[in-house]
Amino acid sequence: MSISTASHTAASTTTLSQRVVAAIGASLLGVLLVYFAGFSHIEAVHNAAHDTRHSAAFPCH
């Protein structure tokens, strides 16, 4: 039994500027989610992430 592997020769079509925009967008989304969970006044969101936030030294009170 032999296993053949195909070489991946497709060139990447994303440019550096597209990768930078994607990285900045993902970072902004992550920051917004962290701050939403950290300072949310919705009790369900607060309780769902309470212990994790305190273990990461993120204040919520």
C-alpha atoms as a PDB file:
ATOM      1  CA  MET A   1       0.000   0.000   0.000  1.00  0.00           C
ATOM      2  CA  SER A   2       1.491   3.292  -1.003  1.00  0.00           C
ATOM      3  CA  ILE A   3       0.353   6.755  -0.039  1.00  0.00           C
ATOM      4  CA  SER A   4       0.856   9.432  -2.617  1.00  0.00           C
ATOM      5  CA  THR A   5       1.028  13.091  -1.757  1.00  0.00           C
ATOM      6  CA  ALA A   6       0.249  15.926  -4.097  1.00  0.00           C
ATOM      7  CA  SER A   7       2.411  18.988  -3.899  1.00  0.00           C
ATOM      8  CA  HIS A   8       0.619  22.242  -3.267  1.00  0.00           C
ATOM      9  CA  THR A   9       1.775  24.580  -5.997  1.00  0.00           C
ATOM     10  CA  ALA A  10      -1.076  27.117  -6.017  1.00  0.00           C
ATOM     11  CA  ALA A  11       0.272  30.602  -5.479  1.00  0.00           C
ATOM     12  CA  SER A  12      -1.235  32.695  -2.746  1.00  0.00           C
ATOM     13  CA  THR A  13      -3.370  35.437  -4.215  1.00  0.00           C
ATOM     14  CA  THR A  14      -3.682  37.553  -1.088  1.00  0.00           C
ATOM     15  CA  THR A  15      -1.559  40.641  -0.914  1.00  0.00           C
ATOM     16  CA  LEU A  16       0.184  41.993   2.136  1.00  0.00           C
ATOM     17  CA  SER A  17      -2.310  44.831   2.441  1.00  0.00           C
ATOM     18  CA  GLN A  18      -5.219  42.365   2.403  1.00  0.00           C
ATOM     19  CA  ARG A  19      -3.592  40.342   5.168  1.00  0.00           C
ATOM     20  CA  VAL A  20      -2.969  43.482   7.230  1.00  0.00           C
ATOM     21  CA  VAL A  21      -6.600  44.585   6.824  1.00  0.00           C
ATOM     22  CA  ALA A  22      -7.810  41.118   7.849  1.00  0.00           C
ATOM     23  CA  ALA A  23      -5.519  41.090  10.902  1.00  0.00           C
ATOM     24  CA  ILE A  24      -6.657  44.546  11.999  1.00  0.00           C
ATOM     25  CA  GLY A  25     -10.301  43.597  11.511  1.00  0.00           C
ATOM     26  CA  ALA A  26      -9.900  40.394  13.516  1.00  0.00           C
ATOM     27  CA  SER A  27      -8.087  42.271  16.287  1.00  0.00           C
ATOM     28  CA  LEU A  28     -10.812  44.916  16.505  1.00  0.00           C
ATOM     29  CA  LEU A  29     -13.497  42.239  16.635  1.00  0.00           C
ATOM     30  CA  GLY A  30     -11.623  40.452  19.423  1.00  0.00           C
ATOM     31  CA  VAL A  31     -11.207  43.648  21.446  1.00  0.00           C
ATOM     32  CA  LEU A  32     -14.889  44.490  21.052  1.00  0.00           C
ATOM     33  CA  LEU A  33     -15.910  41.013  22.223  1.00  0.00           C
ATOM     34  CA  VAL A  34     -13.628  41.169  25.257  1.00  0.00           C
ATOM     35  CA  TYR A  35     -14.914  44.583  26.301  1.00  0.00           C
ATOM     36  CA  PHE A  36     -18.525  43.560  25.675  1.00  0.00           C
ATOM     37  CA  ALA A  37     -18.157  40.531  27.941  1.00  0.00           C
ATOM     38  CA  GLY A  38     -16.101  42.460  30.473  1.00  0.00           C
ATOM     39  CA  PHE A  39     -18.371  45.436  30.968  1.00  0.00           C
ATOM     40  CA  SER A  40     -21.749  43.980  30.030  1.00  0.00           C
ATOM     41  CA  HIS A  41     -24.651  44.731  32.319  1.00  0.00           C
ATOM     42  CA  ILE A  42     -26.505  41.703  30.974  1.00  0.00           C
ATOM     43  CA  GLU A  43     -26.476  39.231  33.858  1.00  0.00           C
ATOM     44  CA  ALA A  44     -26.254  36.114  31.663  1.00  0.00           C
ATOM     45  CA  VAL A  45     -23.164  37.419  29.844  1.00  0.00           C
ATOM     46  CA  HIS A  46     -21.586  38.559  33.105  1.00  0.00           C
ATOM     47  CA  ASN A  47     -22.119  35.218  34.838  1.00  0.00           C
ATOM     48  CA  ALA A  48     -20.992  33.166  31.823  1.00  0.00           C
ATOM     49  CA  ALA A  49     -17.542  34.760  31.768  1.00  0.00           C
ATOM     50  CA  HIS A  50     -17.182  35.817  35.422  1.00  0.00           C
ATOM     51  CA  ASP A  51     -14.560  33.347  36.660  1.00  0.00           C
ATOM     52  CA  THR A  52     -12.531  33.518  33.455  1.00  0.00           C
ATOM     53  CA  ARG A  53     -12.354  37.298  33.624  1.00  0.00           C
ATOM     54  CA  HIS A  54     -11.214  37.298  37.241  1.00  0.00           C
ATOM     55  CA  SER A  55      -8.618  34.597  36.595  1.00  0.00           C
ATOM     56  CA  ALA A  56      -7.195  36.837  33.847  1.00  0.00           C
ATOM     57  CA  ALA A  57      -7.177  39.835  36.256  1.00  0.00           C
ATOM     58  CA  PHE A  58      -9.879  41.618  34.237  1.00  0.00           C
ATOM     59  CA  PRO A  59     -12.043  43.702  36.594  1.00  0.00           C
ATOM     60  CA  CYS A  60     -15.791  43.619  36.209  1.00  0.00           C
ATOM     61  CA  HIS A  61     -17.079  45.094  39.483  1.00  0.00           C
END
